[in-house]
Protein backbone atom coordinates (compact mmCIF):
# COMPACT_ATOMS: atom_id res chain seq x y z
CA MET A 1 -22.44 -11.12 -2.46
CA ARG A 2 -19.14 -9.66 -3.63
CA ARG A 3 -20.49 -6.10 -3.65
CA SER A 4 -21.98 -6.55 -0.19
CA SER A 5 -18.76 -8.05 1.11
CA GLN A 6 -16.68 -5.18 -0.26
CA SER A 7 -19.10 -2.62 1.20
CA ARG A 8 -18.57 -4.04 4.69
CA ARG A 9 -14.91 -2.96 4.64
CA GLY A 10 -13.94 -0.43 7.29
CA GLY A 11 -13.22 3.21 6.55
CA GLY A 12 -13.32 4.97 3.22
CA GLY A 13 -15.00 8.30 3.98
CA PRO A 14 -18.60 9.47 4.16
CA ARG A 15 -19.48 8.31 0.65
CA ARG A 16 -18.67 4.74 1.62
CA TYR A 17 -20.58 4.63 4.92
CA PRO A 18 -24.07 4.47 3.33
CA LEU A 19 -22.92 1.51 1.21
CA GLY A 20 -21.77 -0.39 4.29
CA GLY A 21 -25.00 0.52 6.07
CA ARG A 22 -27.12 -0.90 3.24
CA ALA A 23 -24.96 -3.99 2.88
CA PHE A 24 -25.48 -5.21 6.45
CA PRO A 25 -29.30 -5.51 6.31
CA ALA A 26 -29.02 -7.25 2.93
CA LEU A 27 -26.50 -9.77 4.25
CA ARG A 28 -28.47 -10.23 7.46
CA SER A 29 -31.64 -11.00 5.49
CA TYR A 30 -29.82 -13.39 3.17
CA PHE A 31 -28.16 -15.36 5.97
CA THR A 32 -31.34 -15.40 8.08
CA GLU A 33 -33.16 -17.17 5.25
CA LEU A 34 -30.22 -19.50 4.62
CA ILE A 35 -29.95 -20.45 8.31
CA ALA A 36 -33.69 -21.16 8.47
CA ALA A 37 -33.42 -23.36 5.38
CA ARG A 38 -30.54 -25.34 6.90
CA ARG A 39 -32.46 -25.84 10.13
CA GLN A 40 -35.31 -27.40 8.13
CA GLU A 41 -33.15 -29.38 5.72
CA PRO A 42 -29.58 -29.80 6.99
CA ARG A 43 -26.84 -30.42 4.44
CA ASP A 44 -23.22 -31.46 4.63
CA ASP A 45 -21.97 -27.87 4.64
CA LEU A 46 -20.51 -25.21 6.93
CA ILE A 47 -23.78 -23.46 7.78
CA SER A 48 -25.51 -26.70 8.76
CA GLY A 49 -22.51 -27.55 10.92
CA LEU A 50 -22.65 -24.19 12.68
CA VAL A 51 -26.40 -24.54 13.26
CA ARG A 52 -25.86 -27.98 14.86
CA ALA A 53 -22.72 -27.02 16.80
CA GLU A 54 -23.12 -27.42 20.54
CA VAL A 55 -20.72 -26.81 23.44
CA GLU A 56 -21.79 -27.87 26.94
CA GLY A 57 -25.43 -27.80 25.89
CA SER A 58 -25.22 -24.32 24.41
CA ARG A 59 -25.66 -23.41 20.73
CA LEU A 60 -24.96 -20.26 18.73
CA THR A 61 -27.76 -17.70 18.87
CA PRO A 62 -29.30 -16.44 15.60
CA ASP A 63 -27.38 -13.15 15.93
CA GLU A 64 -24.11 -14.98 16.60
CA LEU A 65 -24.65 -17.17 13.54
CA ILE A 66 -25.37 -14.20 11.29
CA HIS A 67 -22.38 -12.15 12.47
CA LEU A 68 -20.08 -15.17 12.24
CA LEU A 69 -21.16 -15.86 8.65
CA ILE A 70 -20.66 -12.21 7.66
CA LEU A 71 -17.20 -12.35 9.24
CA LEU A 72 -16.36 -15.52 7.31
CA LEU A 73 -17.60 -13.95 4.08
CA VAL A 74 -15.44 -10.84 4.42
CA ALA A 75 -12.36 -12.42 6.03
CA GLY A 76 -12.38 -15.47 3.78
CA ASN A 77 -12.85 -13.45 0.61
CA GLU A 78 -11.57 -9.89 0.79
CA THR A 79 -8.38 -10.27 2.81
CA THR A 80 -7.20 -13.42 1.03
CA ARG A 81 -7.73 -11.83 -2.37
CA ASP A 82 -5.88 -8.72 -1.20
CA LEU A 83 -3.02 -10.87 0.10
CA ILE A 84 -2.56 -12.50 -3.31
CA GLY A 85 -2.85 -9.16 -5.13
CA ASN A 86 -0.45 -7.43 -2.74
CA THR A 87 2.04 -10.28 -3.22
CA VAL A 88 1.98 -10.01 -7.01
CA LEU A 89 2.31 -6.23 -6.84
CA ALA A 90 5.20 -6.34 -4.35
CA LEU A 91 7.07 -8.85 -6.52
CA LEU A 92 6.56 -6.75 -9.66
CA GLU A 93 7.76 -3.64 -7.82
CA HIS A 94 10.86 -5.55 -6.67
CA PRO A 95 12.02 -7.53 -9.75
CA GLU A 96 15.11 -8.84 -7.98
CA GLN A 97 12.83 -10.53 -5.42
CA LEU A 98 10.66 -11.95 -8.20
CA ALA A 99 13.75 -13.39 -9.89
CA LEU A 100 14.88 -14.85 -6.57
CA LEU A 101 11.52 -16.53 -6.03
CA ARG A 102 11.55 -17.95 -9.56
CA SER A 103 14.99 -19.42 -8.96
CA ASP A 104 13.93 -20.89 -5.60
CA PRO A 105 10.16 -21.60 -5.37
CA SER A 106 10.65 -23.02 -1.86
CA LEU A 107 10.79 -19.40 -0.70
CA ALA A 108 7.07 -18.97 -1.46
CA PRO A 109 5.84 -19.50 2.14
CA ASN A 110 8.35 -16.98 3.50
CA ALA A 111 7.50 -14.58 0.67
CA ILE A 112 3.89 -14.67 1.87
CA GLU A 113 5.04 -13.94 5.44
CA GLU A 114 7.03 -10.96 4.17
CA VAL A 115 4.02 -9.61 2.27
CA LEU A 116 1.89 -10.05 5.39
CA ARG A 117 4.46 -7.88 7.16
CA TYR A 118 5.28 -5.41 4.39
CA SER A 119 1.83 -4.89 2.85
CA ALA A 120 -0.70 -6.40 5.25
CA PRO A 121 -4.22 -6.83 3.82
CA ALA A 122 -5.63 -5.65 7.17
CA GLN A 123 -3.88 -2.69 8.77
CA TYR A 124 -5.51 -2.36 12.17
CA MET A 125 -7.93 -3.81 14.68
CA SER A 126 -9.72 -2.11 17.55
CA ARG A 127 -10.08 -3.37 21.11
CA ARG A 128 -12.03 -2.09 24.11
CA ALA A 129 -10.12 -1.82 27.38
CA LYS A 130 -11.43 -3.91 30.29
CA ALA A 131 -9.19 -2.12 32.78
CA ALA A 132 -7.23 1.12 32.96
CA THR A 133 -3.82 0.92 31.34
CA VAL A 134 -1.06 3.12 29.97
CA VAL A 135 0.49 2.68 26.52
CA GLY A 136 3.41 5.01 25.93
CA ASP A 137 2.20 8.46 26.93
CA ALA A 138 -1.49 7.61 26.52
CA ARG A 139 -3.74 6.54 29.38
CA ILE A 140 -6.64 4.32 28.37
CA GLU A 141 -9.62 4.10 30.70
CA PRO A 142 -11.96 1.09 31.10
CA GLY A 143 -14.46 0.96 28.26
CA GLU A 144 -12.41 3.17 25.94
CA GLU A 145 -11.54 1.88 22.50
CA ALA A 146 -7.96 1.57 21.30
CA VAL A 147 -7.00 1.19 17.65
CA LEU A 148 -4.05 -1.16 17.20
CA TRP A 149 -2.14 -0.34 14.00
CA PHE A 150 -0.25 -3.56 13.37
CA GLY A 151 0.57 -2.26 9.90
CA SER A 152 2.81 0.20 11.74
CA ALA A 153 4.11 -2.39 14.22
CA ASN A 154 5.16 -4.53 11.26
CA ARG A 155 7.64 -1.78 10.29
CA ASP A 156 9.21 -1.54 13.76
CA GLU A 157 12.97 -1.11 13.23
CA GLN A 158 13.64 -2.59 16.66
CA VAL A 159 12.21 -5.89 15.41
CA PHE A 160 12.82 -5.83 11.66
CA ARG A 161 16.13 -4.65 10.25
CA ASP A 162 15.61 -2.36 7.22
CA ALA A 163 11.89 -2.60 7.94
CA ASP A 164 10.89 -0.59 4.86
CA ALA A 165 12.70 -3.03 2.56
CA PHE A 166 10.88 -5.95 0.92
CA ASP A 167 12.97 -9.09 1.41
CA ILE A 168 11.48 -12.55 0.85
CA ARG A 169 14.47 -14.10 2.63
CA ARG A 170 13.88 -12.11 5.82
CA ALA A 171 14.58 -14.57 8.63
CA ASN A 172 12.01 -13.19 11.08
CA ALA A 173 9.28 -12.16 8.61
CA ASN A 174 6.77 -14.32 10.49
CA ARG A 175 7.05 -12.09 13.56
CA HIS A 176 4.53 -9.72 12.00
CA LEU A 177 1.30 -9.01 13.90
CA THR A 178 -1.05 -9.11 10.92
CA PHE A 179 -3.01 -12.06 12.29
CA GLY A 180 -3.19 -10.57 15.77
CA ILE A 181 -1.87 -12.11 18.94
CA GLY A 182 -3.19 -13.99 21.95
CA THR A 183 -6.77 -15.21 22.38
CA HIS A 184 -8.07 -13.51 19.24
CA PHE A 185 -5.32 -14.71 16.88
CA CYS A 186 -6.84 -15.13 13.42
CA LEU A 187 -8.52 -18.53 13.16
CA GLY A 188 -8.02 -18.59 9.38
CA ALA A 189 -4.28 -17.82 9.43
CA PRO A 190 -3.10 -21.31 8.35
CA LEU A 191 -5.57 -21.34 5.44
CA ALA A 192 -4.64 -17.80 4.32
CA ARG A 193 -0.94 -18.67 4.37
CA LEU A 194 -1.55 -21.86 2.39
CA GLU A 195 -3.79 -20.16 -0.17
CA GLY A 196 -1.28 -17.37 -0.70
CA ALA A 197 1.69 -19.70 -1.18
CA ILE A 198 -0.21 -22.03 -3.53
CA ALA A 199 -1.48 -19.12 -5.63
CA ILE A 200 1.97 -17.59 -6.08
CA GLU A 201 3.63 -20.94 -6.80
CA ALA A 202 0.98 -21.72 -9.43
CA LEU A 203 1.24 -18.27 -11.00
CA LEU A 204 5.01 -18.42 -11.37
CA SER A 205 5.09 -22.02 -12.61
CA ARG A 206 2.39 -21.41 -15.22
CA PHE A 207 3.60 -18.08 -16.56
CA GLY A 208 7.19 -17.45 -17.63
CA GLY A 209 6.66 -13.72 -17.84
CA ILE A 210 4.48 -11.43 -15.75
CA ARG A 211 4.32 -7.66 -15.95
CA ARG A 212 1.87 -4.86 -15.41
CA ALA A 213 -0.28 -4.01 -18.42
CA ASP A 214 0.50 -0.29 -18.06
CA ASN A 215 2.12 2.21 -15.71
CA ARG A 216 -1.02 4.02 -14.65
CA GLU A 217 -1.53 4.59 -10.93
CA LEU A 218 -3.39 1.66 -9.45
CA PRO A 219 -6.76 2.35 -7.81
CA HIS A 220 -6.62 1.24 -4.18
CA MET A 221 -9.67 0.24 -2.18
CA PRO A 222 -11.00 3.28 -0.26
CA SER A 223 -10.47 1.83 3.19
CA LEU A 224 -8.38 2.67 6.24
CA GLN A 225 -8.46 -0.86 7.59
CA HIS A 226 -7.97 -2.88 4.42
CA ARG A 227 -5.05 -2.57 2.02
CA GLY A 228 -5.47 -3.76 -1.55
CA VAL A 229 -5.98 -2.60 -5.13
CA ARG A 230 -9.29 -2.59 -6.97
CA SER A 231 -7.64 -4.14 -10.01
CA LEU A 232 -4.18 -5.16 -11.18
CA PRO A 233 -4.13 -5.59 -14.99
CA LEU A 234 -1.31 -7.93 -16.05
CA VAL A 235 0.32 -9.18 -19.23
CA VAL A 236 1.45 -12.78 -18.88
CA GLU A 237 3.40 -15.22 -21.05
CA LEU A 238 2.96 -18.97 -20.80
CA ALA A 239 5.98 -20.81 -19.43
């Protein structure tokens, strides 16, 4: 499941595309069988709930169920893990911010907001235009696809002072666009924020010392859309 989930990440060059292509049929087959099993024998779980869900007499189609479950698998696993990893890495790269957070753990929620701005786990999202519009000097026609780089918007100097600086006390850190905006705002945003803050608070309270195991260049995931490292070896000391 983890390999399939990672393979569904966007971007990464031609060597990665075949992996993503093979992952989708495998996940589709797996969830098709799981959905059929829950239809026959419902349980007290998410999939059974989605199968039973009904709005104004309408239920999710098999394709909608499968795509929703794949989305939940990737979004609930990959991006949250990257958020936690990016937070640890940012704190280690800015020891004064790590010391500040240790001295005042109540800053953890805002530290997560700053990481979501500074090193967003997801860097862009694409949208298809329903009507002709103009953005800057570019004209977008109906049906054309636009790629929205909120990783870039999160460094907008007109919104964030010293935008390239990592500051866990930044007053407007939560103005980032990492979770999107409007109708398609990320449904899992509250959970991701909570998971990130709890993970960092637990890490700092349990370990009195945290440092990288070595100074070798970290291997990042080969993806344009997702930002995260493959691994982050650490040396820790119990508090």
